[in-house]
């Protein structure tokens, strides 16, 4: 209520339908717990997408909780969500680990990525604004500079590669598309990480720097088909290199 004589708002009195504080809080639920669980999930998701965890790497829930400085409950919740996402798996002996892809699964994943991420890239070229292009250019430059360093940090290179791709896709403004792409990267990130650990020369010779530059130039021109071709070439080129090295088995992934 506004007191016209004094010019300030007076508190309301005796509102019959107002909730008590306890009643109001019960309608909201345990915000802090949910927020913490989401944060742990987001952190672990980023580790997978950025290739910080390798295929077959096992996760201890207790050790993860200690490192993150949280109780085991939000870690268990996050792991359950990641298992549902098929970004982690539970082995027959109940260990939690990063899935091991075989060559056939990796080829299938690459085919889907070329189509979906190629589509996202083409849309980005049509929709990217000045701020989007600035973010994409900054990501391209950071990856290029690291690639040319005498002793590049390979884990950081994987992260910067992801940052470039997601800067491109984010320019579409399509949240559903970003969720789909994120699900694909949950599976491919660990494979890229394993490949770079075993074959660090790919950072300089694999063609990613050139494809990124081509994609950026095409986005600046608003050339959707050229942007799609550059991103598709980047994905397919990396996949061909990984498959040619023979690091992925041709049979079913080991489940022990």
C-alpha atoms as a PDB file:
ATOM      1  CA  UNK A   1       0.000   0.000   0.000  1.00  0.00           C
ATOM      2  CA  UNK A   2       1.370   3.473  -0.897  1.00  0.00           C
ATOM      3  CA  UNK A   3       1.095   6.275   1.674  1.00  0.00           C
ATOM      4  CA  UNK A   4       0.378   9.292  -0.546  1.00  0.00           C
ATOM      5  CA  UNK A   5       1.229  11.722   2.238  1.00  0.00           C
ATOM      6  CA  UNK A   6       4.666  10.307   2.997  1.00  0.00           C
ATOM      7  CA  UNK A   7       5.547   8.824  -0.418  1.00  0.00           C
ATOM      8  CA  UNK A   8       6.628   5.363   0.656  1.00  0.00           C
ATOM      9  CA  UNK A   9       5.202   1.847   0.563  1.00  0.00           C
ATOM     10  CA  UNK A  10       3.631   0.625   3.788  1.00  0.00           C
ATOM     11  CA  UNK A  11       3.680  -3.103   4.594  1.00  0.00           C
ATOM     12  CA  UNK A  12       0.474  -5.036   3.976  1.00  0.00           C
ATOM     13  CA  UNK A  13      -1.362  -6.282   7.043  1.00  0.00           C
ATOM     14  CA  UNK A  14      -3.294  -9.504   7.593  1.00  0.00           C
ATOM     15  CA  UNK A  15      -3.332 -10.986   4.113  1.00  0.00           C
ATOM     16  CA  UNK A  16      -5.577 -14.038   4.641  1.00  0.00           C
ATOM     17  CA  UNK A  17      -4.192 -16.175   1.767  1.00  0.00           C
ATOM     18  CA  UNK A  18      -0.482 -15.524   2.404  1.00  0.00           C
ATOM     19  CA  UNK A  19       1.713 -18.606   2.979  1.00  0.00           C
ATOM     20  CA  UNK A  20       3.884 -18.992   6.022  1.00  0.00           C
ATOM     21  CA  UNK A  21       7.633 -19.034   5.392  1.00  0.00           C
ATOM     22  CA  UNK A  22       7.775 -22.801   5.964  1.00  0.00           C
ATOM     23  CA  UNK A  23       4.916 -23.422   3.528  1.00  0.00           C
ATOM     24  CA  UNK A  24       6.527 -21.230   0.887  1.00  0.00           C
ATOM     25  CA  UNK A  25       9.879 -23.017   1.207  1.00  0.00           C
ATOM     26  CA  UNK A  26       8.295 -26.456   0.822  1.00  0.00           C
ATOM     27  CA  UNK A  27       6.878 -25.411  -2.565  1.00  0.00           C
ATOM     28  CA  UNK A  28      10.410 -24.640  -3.782  1.00  0.00           C
ATOM     29  CA  UNK A  29      12.191 -27.767  -2.618  1.00  0.00           C
ATOM     30  CA  UNK A  30      15.865 -28.336  -1.702  1.00  0.00           C
ATOM     31  CA  UNK A  31      17.393 -25.768  -4.058  1.00  0.00           C
ATOM     32  CA  UNK A  32      20.919 -25.996  -2.708  1.00  0.00           C
ATOM     33  CA  UNK A  33      21.116 -29.761  -3.062  1.00  0.00           C
ATOM     34  CA  UNK A  34      19.771 -29.698  -6.611  1.00  0.00           C
ATOM     35  CA  UNK A  35      22.096 -26.870  -7.549  1.00  0.00           C
ATOM     36  CA  UNK A  36      25.111 -28.734  -6.176  1.00  0.00           C
ATOM     37  CA  UNK A  37      24.141 -31.884  -8.050  1.00  0.00           C
ATOM     38  CA  UNK A  38      23.757 -29.908 -11.256  1.00  0.00           C
ATOM     39  CA  UNK A  39      27.143 -28.286 -10.736  1.00  0.00           C
ATOM     40  CA  UNK A  40      28.872 -31.639 -10.229  1.00  0.00           C
ATOM     41  CA  UNK A  41      27.094 -33.038 -13.294  1.00  0.00           C
ATOM     42  CA  UNK A  42      28.110 -30.020 -15.361  1.00  0.00           C
ATOM     43  CA  UNK A  43      31.725 -30.274 -14.210  1.00  0.00           C
ATOM     44  CA  UNK A  44      31.994 -33.976 -15.004  1.00  0.00           C
ATOM     45  CA  UNK A  45      30.199 -33.463 -18.313  1.00  0.00           C
ATOM     46  CA  UNK A  46      32.737 -30.812 -19.257  1.00  0.00           C
ATOM     47  CA  UNK A  47      35.619 -33.139 -18.377  1.00  0.00           C
ATOM     48  CA  UNK A  48      34.236 -35.740 -20.761  1.00  0.00           C
ATOM     49  CA  UNK A  49      33.398 -33.339 -23.575  1.00  0.00           C
ATOM     50  CA  UNK A  50      36.803 -31.677 -23.332  1.00  0.00           C
ATOM     51  CA  UNK A  51      38.616 -34.997 -23.485  1.00  0.00           C
ATOM     52  CA  UNK A  52      40.043 -34.836 -19.979  1.00  0.00           C
ATOM     53  CA  UNK A  53      39.029 -38.444 -19.359  1.00  0.00           C
ATOM     54  CA  UNK A  54      40.132 -41.295 -21.612  1.00  0.00           C
ATOM     55  CA  UNK A  55      38.137 -44.359 -22.734  1.00  0.00           C
ATOM     56  CA  UNK A  56      38.295 -47.100 -20.117  1.00  0.00           C
ATOM     57  CA  UNK A  57      39.282 -44.711 -17.340  1.00  0.00           C
ATOM     58  CA  UNK A  58      37.607 -45.716 -14.075  1.00  0.00           C
ATOM     59  CA  UNK A  59      35.999 -43.263 -11.685  1.00  0.00           C
ATOM     60  CA  UNK A  60      35.913 -43.626  -7.925  1.00  0.00           C
ATOM     61  CA  UNK A  61      32.865 -41.849  -6.545  1.00  0.00           C
ATOM     62  CA  UNK A  62      34.529 -41.291  -3.186  1.00  0.00           C
ATOM     63  CA  UNK A  63      37.748 -39.917  -4.691  1.00  0.00           C
ATOM     64  CA  UNK A  64      35.760 -37.678  -7.051  1.00  0.00           C
ATOM     65  CA  UNK A  65      33.760 -36.319  -4.119  1.00  0.00           C
ATOM     66  CA  UNK A  66      36.945 -35.603  -2.156  1.00  0.00           C
ATOM     67  CA  UNK A  67      38.580 -33.812  -5.101  1.00  0.00           C
ATOM     68  CA  UNK A  68      35.484 -31.675  -5.720  1.00  0.00           C
ATOM     69  CA  UNK A  69      35.029 -30.984  -2.010  1.00  0.00           C
ATOM     70  CA  UNK A  70      31.465 -32.302  -1.867  1.00  0.00           C
ATOM     71  CA  UNK A  71      29.659 -35.236  -0.293  1.00  0.00           C
ATOM     72  CA  UNK A  72      29.299 -38.456  -2.232  1.00  0.00           C
ATOM     73  CA  UNK A  73      25.550 -37.952  -2.838  1.00  0.00           C
ATOM     74  CA  UNK A  74      25.771 -35.247  -5.564  1.00  0.00           C
ATOM     75  CA  UNK A  75      28.565 -37.236  -7.226  1.00  0.00           C
ATOM     76  CA  UNK A  76      26.417 -40.355  -7.233  1.00  0.00           C
ATOM     77  CA  UNK A  77      23.528 -38.354  -8.726  1.00  0.00           C
ATOM     78  CA  UNK A  78      25.786 -36.868 -11.400  1.00  0.00           C
ATOM     79  CA  UNK A  79      27.220 -40.263 -12.307  1.00  0.00           C
ATOM     80  CA  UNK A  80      23.716 -41.730 -12.578  1.00  0.00           C
ATOM     81  CA  UNK A  81      22.756 -38.975 -15.003  1.00  0.00           C
ATOM     82  CA  UNK A  82      25.904 -39.533 -17.057  1.00  0.00           C
ATOM     83  CA  UNK A  83      25.226 -43.269 -17.193  1.00  0.00           C
ATOM     84  CA  UNK A  84      21.733 -42.438 -18.473  1.00  0.00           C
ATOM     85  CA  UNK A  85      23.395 -40.187 -21.071  1.00  0.00           C
ATOM     86  CA  UNK A  86      25.621 -43.172 -21.991  1.00  0.00           C
ATOM     87  CA  UNK A  87      28.632 -40.993 -21.297  1.00  0.00           C
ATOM     88  CA  UNK A  88      29.662 -43.350 -18.478  1.00  0.00           C
ATOM     89  CA  UNK A  89      28.952 -47.029 -17.982  1.00  0.00           C
ATOM     90  CA  UNK A  90      28.781 -49.503 -15.128  1.00  0.00           C
ATOM     91  CA  UNK A  91      30.767 -52.680 -15.781  1.00  0.00           C
ATOM     92  CA  UNK A  92      29.643 -56.158 -14.611  1.00  0.00           C
ATOM     93  CA  UNK A  93      31.909 -55.822 -11.563  1.00  0.00           C
ATOM     94  CA  UNK A  94      30.112 -52.523 -10.701  1.00  0.00           C
ATOM     95  CA  UNK A  95      33.000 -50.235 -11.590  1.00  0.00           C
ATOM     96  CA  UNK A  96      32.122 -46.923 -13.228  1.00  0.00           C
ATOM     97  CA  UNK A  97      34.197 -46.039 -16.250  1.00  0.00           C
ATOM     98  CA  UNK A  98      34.330 -44.078 -19.491  1.00  0.00           C
ATOM     99  CA  UNK A  99      32.950 -46.319 -22.282  1.00  0.00           C
ATOM    100  CA  UNK A 100      35.329 -47.893 -24.766  1.00  0.00           C
ATOM    101  CA  UNK A 101      34.181 -47.410 -28.365  1.00  0.00           C
ATOM    102  CA  UNK A 102      35.061 -49.913 -31.049  1.00  0.00           C
ATOM    103  CA  UNK A 103      35.790 -48.819 -34.626  1.00  0.00           C
ATOM    104  CA  UNK A 104      32.242 -49.480 -35.863  1.00  0.00           C
ATOM    105  CA  UNK A 105      30.723 -47.388 -33.073  1.00  0.00           C
ATOM    106  CA  UNK A 106      33.199 -44.602 -33.748  1.00  0.00           C
ATOM    107  CA  UNK A 107      32.400 -44.605 -37.487  1.00  0.00           C
ATOM    108  CA  UNK A 108      28.696 -44.392 -36.713  1.00  0.00           C
ATOM    109  CA  UNK A 109      29.270 -41.550 -34.291  1.00  0.00           C
ATOM    110  CA  UNK A 110      31.370 -39.728 -36.895  1.00  0.00           C
ATOM    111  CA  UNK A 111      28.661 -40.088 -39.547  1.00  0.00           C
ATOM    112  CA  UNK A 112      26.063 -38.584 -37.218  1.00  0.00           C
ATOM    113  CA  UNK A 113      28.411 -35.776 -36.176  1.00  0.00           C
ATOM    114  CA  UNK A 114      29.187 -34.816 -39.770  1.00  0.00           C
ATOM    115  CA  UNK A 115      25.474 -34.425 -40.502  1.00  0.00           C
ATOM    116  CA  UNK A 116      24.355 -32.698 -37.314  1.00  0.00           C
ATOM    117  CA  UNK A 117      27.376 -30.498 -36.726  1.00  0.00           C
ATOM    118  CA  UNK A 118      27.568 -29.716 -40.429  1.00  0.00           C
ATOM    119  CA  UNK A 119      23.953 -28.548 -40.279  1.00  0.00           C
ATOM    120  CA  UNK A 120      24.733 -26.461 -37.187  1.00  0.00           C
ATOM    121  CA  UNK A 121      27.717 -24.863 -38.923  1.00  0.00           C
ATOM    122  CA  UNK A 122      25.664 -23.969 -41.994  1.00  0.00           C
ATOM    123  CA  UNK A 123      22.980 -22.376 -39.820  1.00  0.00           C
ATOM    124  CA  UNK A 124      25.641 -20.493 -37.868  1.00  0.00           C
ATOM    125  CA  UNK A 125      26.940 -18.868 -41.061  1.00  0.00           C
ATOM    126  CA  UNK A 126      23.473 -17.497 -41.745  1.00  0.00           C
ATOM    127  CA  UNK A 127      22.721 -16.345 -38.193  1.00  0.00           C
ATOM    128  CA  UNK A 128      26.027 -15.306 -36.617  1.00  0.00           C
ATOM    129  CA  UNK A 129      26.129 -11.703 -35.450  1.00  0.00           C
ATOM    130  CA  UNK A 130      29.202  -9.557 -34.753  1.00  0.00           C
ATOM    131  CA  UNK A 131      29.538 -10.826 -31.166  1.00  0.00           C
ATOM    132  CA  UNK A 132      29.252 -14.429 -32.307  1.00  0.00           C
ATOM    133  CA  UNK A 133      31.917 -13.934 -34.949  1.00  0.00           C
ATOM    134  CA  UNK A 134      34.202 -12.281 -32.412  1.00  0.00           C
ATOM    135  CA  UNK A 135      33.876 -15.290 -30.071  1.00  0.00           C
ATOM    136  CA  UNK A 136      34.474 -17.728 -32.918  1.00  0.00           C
ATOM    137  CA  UNK A 137      37.527 -15.765 -34.080  1.00  0.00           C
ATOM    138  CA  UNK A 138      38.962 -15.671 -30.554  1.00  0.00           C
ATOM    139  CA  UNK A 139      38.535 -19.435 -30.206  1.00  0.00           C
ATOM    140  CA  UNK A 140      40.100 -20.054 -33.609  1.00  0.00           C
ATOM    141  CA  UNK A 141      43.079 -17.863 -32.737  1.00  0.00           C
ATOM    142  CA  UNK A 142      43.639 -19.517 -29.346  1.00  0.00           C
ATOM    143  CA  UNK A 143      43.643 -23.000 -30.877  1.00  0.00           C
ATOM    144  CA  UNK A 144      45.933 -21.929 -33.728  1.00  0.00           C
ATOM    145  CA  UNK A 145      48.425 -20.265 -31.382  1.00  0.00           C
ATOM    146  CA  UNK A 146      48.584 -23.328 -29.138  1.00  0.00           C
ATOM    147  CA  UNK A 147      48.971 -25.664 -32.114  1.00  0.00           C
ATOM    148  CA  UNK A 148      52.049 -23.743 -33.247  1.00  0.00           C
ATOM    149  CA  UNK A 149      53.648 -23.710 -29.787  1.00  0.00           C
ATOM    150  CA  UNK A 150      56.952 -25.671 -29.437  1.00  0.00           C
ATOM    151  CA  UNK A 151      55.537 -27.923 -26.702  1.00  0.00           C
ATOM    152  CA  UNK A 152      51.746 -27.558 -26.764  1.00  0.00           C
ATOM    153  CA  UNK A 153      49.575 -28.643 -23.868  1.00  0.00           C
ATOM    154  CA  UNK A 154      47.620 -31.458 -25.525  1.00  0.00           C
ATOM    155  CA  UNK A 155      44.777 -31.520 -23.018  1.00  0.00           C
ATOM    156  CA  UNK A 156      44.353 -27.771 -23.460  1.00  0.00           C
ATOM    157  CA  UNK A 157      44.379 -28.236 -27.234  1.00  0.00           C
ATOM    158  CA  UNK A 158      41.451 -30.637 -26.982  1.00  0.00           C
ATOM    159  CA  UNK A 159      39.568 -28.140 -24.814  1.00  0.00           C
ATOM    160  CA  UNK A 160      40.246 -25.277 -27.223  1.00  0.00           C
ATOM    161  CA  UNK A 161      39.156 -27.385 -30.168  1.00  0.00           C
ATOM    162  CA  UNK A 162      35.848 -27.993 -28.398  1.00  0.00           C
ATOM    163  CA  UNK A 163      35.577 -24.308 -27.544  1.00  0.00           C
ATOM    164  CA  UNK A 164      35.896 -23.366 -31.221  1.00  0.00           C
ATOM    165  CA  UNK A 165      33.278 -25.856 -32.373  1.00  0.00           C
ATOM    166  CA  UNK A 166      30.806 -24.856 -29.696  1.00  0.00           C
ATOM    167  CA  UNK A 167      31.328 -21.152 -30.398  1.00  0.00           C
ATOM    168  CA  UNK A 168      30.277 -21.898 -33.979  1.00  0.00           C
ATOM    169  CA  UNK A 169      27.241 -23.961 -33.000  1.00  0.00           C
ATOM    170  CA  UNK A 170      26.125 -21.514 -30.308  1.00  0.00           C
ATOM    171  CA  UNK A 171      25.713 -18.866 -33.024  1.00  0.00           C
ATOM    172  CA  UNK A 172      22.615 -20.749 -34.210  1.00  0.00           C
ATOM    173  CA  UNK A 173      20.768 -19.813 -31.026  1.00  0.00           C
ATOM    174  CA  UNK A 174      19.137 -23.274 -31.084  1.00  0.00           C
ATOM    175  CA  UNK A 175      19.266 -24.748 -27.581  1.00  0.00           C
ATOM    176  CA  UNK A 176      17.859 -28.112 -28.658  1.00  0.00           C
ATOM    177  CA  UNK A 177      20.573 -28.424 -31.286  1.00  0.00           C
ATOM    178  CA  UNK A 178      23.223 -27.592 -28.682  1.00  0.00           C
ATOM    179  CA  UNK A 179      21.903 -30.355 -26.412  1.00  0.00           C
ATOM    180  CA  UNK A 180      22.145 -32.874 -29.241  1.00  0.00           C
ATOM    181  CA  UNK A 181      25.672 -31.805 -30.141  1.00  0.00           C
ATOM    182  CA  UNK A 182      26.661 -31.896 -26.473  1.00  0.00           C
ATOM    183  CA  UNK A 183      25.463 -35.501 -26.249  1.00  0.00           C
ATOM    184  CA  UNK A 184      27.639 -36.432 -29.210  1.00  0.00           C
ATOM    185  CA  UNK A 185      30.683 -34.738 -27.699  1.00  0.00           C
ATOM    186  CA  UNK A 186      30.179 -36.597 -24.425  1.00  0.00           C
ATOM    187  CA  UNK A 187      31.005 -39.734 -26.372  1.00  0.00           C
ATOM    188  CA  UNK A 188      33.689 -38.432 -28.755  1.00  0.00           C
ATOM    189  CA  UNK A 189      35.680 -36.274 -26.319  1.00  0.00           C
ATOM    190  CA  UNK A 190      37.428 -39.173 -24.579  1.00  0.00           C
ATOM    191  CA  UNK A 191      38.394 -40.757 -27.922  1.00  0.00           C
ATOM    192  CA  UNK A 192      40.007 -37.545 -29.144  1.00  0.00           C
ATOM    193  CA  UNK A 193      41.869 -37.290 -25.856  1.00  0.00           C
ATOM    194  CA  UNK A 194      43.204 -40.824 -26.158  1.00  0.00           C
ATOM    195  CA  UNK A 195      44.278 -40.173 -29.743  1.00  0.00           C
ATOM    196  CA  UNK A 196      46.227 -37.029 -28.900  1.00  0.00           C
ATOM    197  CA  UNK A 197      47.976 -38.704 -25.988  1.00  0.00           C
ATOM    198  CA  UNK A 198      49.203 -41.440 -28.314  1.00  0.00           C
ATOM    199  CA  UNK A 199      49.759 -39.265 -31.409  1.00  0.00           C
ATOM    200  CA  UNK A 200      50.658 -35.695 -30.403  1.00  0.00           C
ATOM    201  CA  UNK A 201      51.927 -34.966 -33.922  1.00  0.00           C
ATOM    202  CA  UNK A 202      48.309 -34.829 -35.118  1.00  0.00           C
ATOM    203  CA  UNK A 203      47.937 -31.388 -33.568  1.00  0.00           C
ATOM    204  CA  UNK A 204      50.356 -30.002 -36.142  1.00  0.00           C
ATOM    205  CA  UNK A 205      49.576 -32.313 -39.060  1.00  0.00           C
ATOM    206  CA  UNK A 206      45.922 -33.278 -38.691  1.00  0.00           C
ATOM    207  CA  UNK A 207      44.450 -30.309 -40.537  1.00  0.00           C
ATOM    208  CA  UNK A 208      42.267 -28.915 -37.729  1.00  0.00           C
ATOM    209  CA  UNK A 209      43.974 -25.510 -37.840  1.00  0.00           C
ATOM    210  CA  UNK A 210      43.258 -25.172 -41.568  1.00  0.00           C
ATOM    211  CA  UNK A 211      39.662 -26.358 -41.272  1.00  0.00           C
ATOM    212  CA  UNK A 212      38.998 -23.952 -38.395  1.00  0.00           C
ATOM    213  CA  UNK A 213      40.405 -21.062 -40.419  1.00  0.00           C
ATOM    214  CA  UNK A 214      38.297 -22.058 -43.422  1.00  0.00           C
ATOM    215  CA  UNK A 215      35.159 -22.240 -41.278  1.00  0.00           C
ATOM    216  CA  UNK A 216      35.811 -18.822 -39.749  1.00  0.00           C
ATOM    217  CA  UNK A 217      36.405 -17.246 -43.166  1.00  0.00           C
ATOM    218  CA  UNK A 218      33.195 -18.801 -44.503  1.00  0.00           C
ATOM    219  CA  UNK A 219      31.187 -17.554 -41.527  1.00  0.00           C
ATOM    220  CA  UNK A 220      32.518 -14.057 -42.083  1.00  0.00           C
ATOM    221  CA  UNK A 221      31.253 -14.284 -45.686  1.00  0.00           C
ATOM    222  CA  UNK A 222      27.936 -15.771 -44.609  1.00  0.00           C
ATOM    223  CA  UNK A 223      28.684 -18.810 -46.776  1.00  0.00           C
ATOM    224  CA  UNK A 224      26.719 -21.676 -45.221  1.00  0.00           C
ATOM    225  CA  UNK A 225      27.743 -24.523 -47.558  1.00  0.00           C
ATOM    226  CA  UNK A 226      31.443 -23.638 -47.209  1.00  0.00           C
ATOM    227  CA  UNK A 227      31.127 -23.519 -43.422  1.00  0.00           C
ATOM    228  CA  UNK A 228      29.429 -26.910 -43.412  1.00  0.00           C
ATOM    229  CA  UNK A 229      32.173 -28.334 -45.640  1.00  0.00           C
ATOM    230  CA  UNK A 230      34.933 -27.012 -43.375  1.00  0.00           C
ATOM    231  CA  UNK A 231      33.405 -28.422 -40.177  1.00  0.00           C
ATOM    232  CA  UNK A 232      32.560 -31.726 -41.863  1.00  0.00           C
ATOM    233  CA  UNK A 233      36.126 -31.932 -43.172  1.00  0.00           C
ATOM    234  CA  UNK A 234      37.506 -31.273 -39.699  1.00  0.00           C
ATOM    235  CA  UNK A 235      35.388 -34.023 -38.135  1.00  0.00           C
ATOM    236  CA  UNK A 236      36.004 -36.552 -40.911  1.00  0.00           C
ATOM    237  CA  UNK A 237      39.725 -35.797 -41.111  1.00  0.00           C
ATOM    238  CA  UNK A 238      40.235 -36.365 -37.394  1.00  0.00           C
ATOM    239  CA  UNK A 239      38.195 -39.565 -37.539  1.00  0.00           C
ATOM    240  CA  UNK A 240      40.166 -40.906 -40.507  1.00  0.00           C
ATOM    241  CA  UNK A 241      43.413 -40.266 -38.661  1.00  0.00           C
ATOM    242  CA  UNK A 242      42.188 -42.020 -35.518  1.00  0.00           C
ATOM    243  CA  UNK A 243      40.913 -45.040 -37.467  1.00  0.00           C
ATOM    244  CA  UNK A 244      44.079 -45.268 -39.555  1.00  0.00           C
ATOM    245  CA  UNK A 245      46.184 -45.522 -36.389  1.00  0.00           C
ATOM    246  CA  UNK A 246      44.297 -48.668 -35.424  1.00  0.00           C
ATOM    247  CA  UNK A 247      43.766 -47.665 -31.819  1.00  0.00           C
ATOM    248  CA  UNK A 248      40.118 -48.787 -31.845  1.00  0.00           C
ATOM    249  CA  UNK A 249      39.229 -52.473 -31.916  1.00  0.00           C
ATOM    250  CA  UNK A 250      37.054 -53.805 -34.717  1.00  0.00           C
ATOM    251  CA  UNK A 251      35.081 -56.052 -32.372  1.00  0.00           C
ATOM    252  CA  UNK A 252      32.660 -55.259 -29.596  1.00  0.00           C
ATOM    253  CA  UNK A 253      33.923 -52.983 -26.848  1.00  0.00           C
ATOM    254  CA  UNK A 254      35.389 -54.725 -23.800  1.00  0.00           C
ATOM    255  CA  UNK A 255      32.905 -54.863 -20.934  1.00  0.00           C
ATOM    256  CA  UNK A 256      35.086 -56.263 -18.183  1.00  0.00           C
END
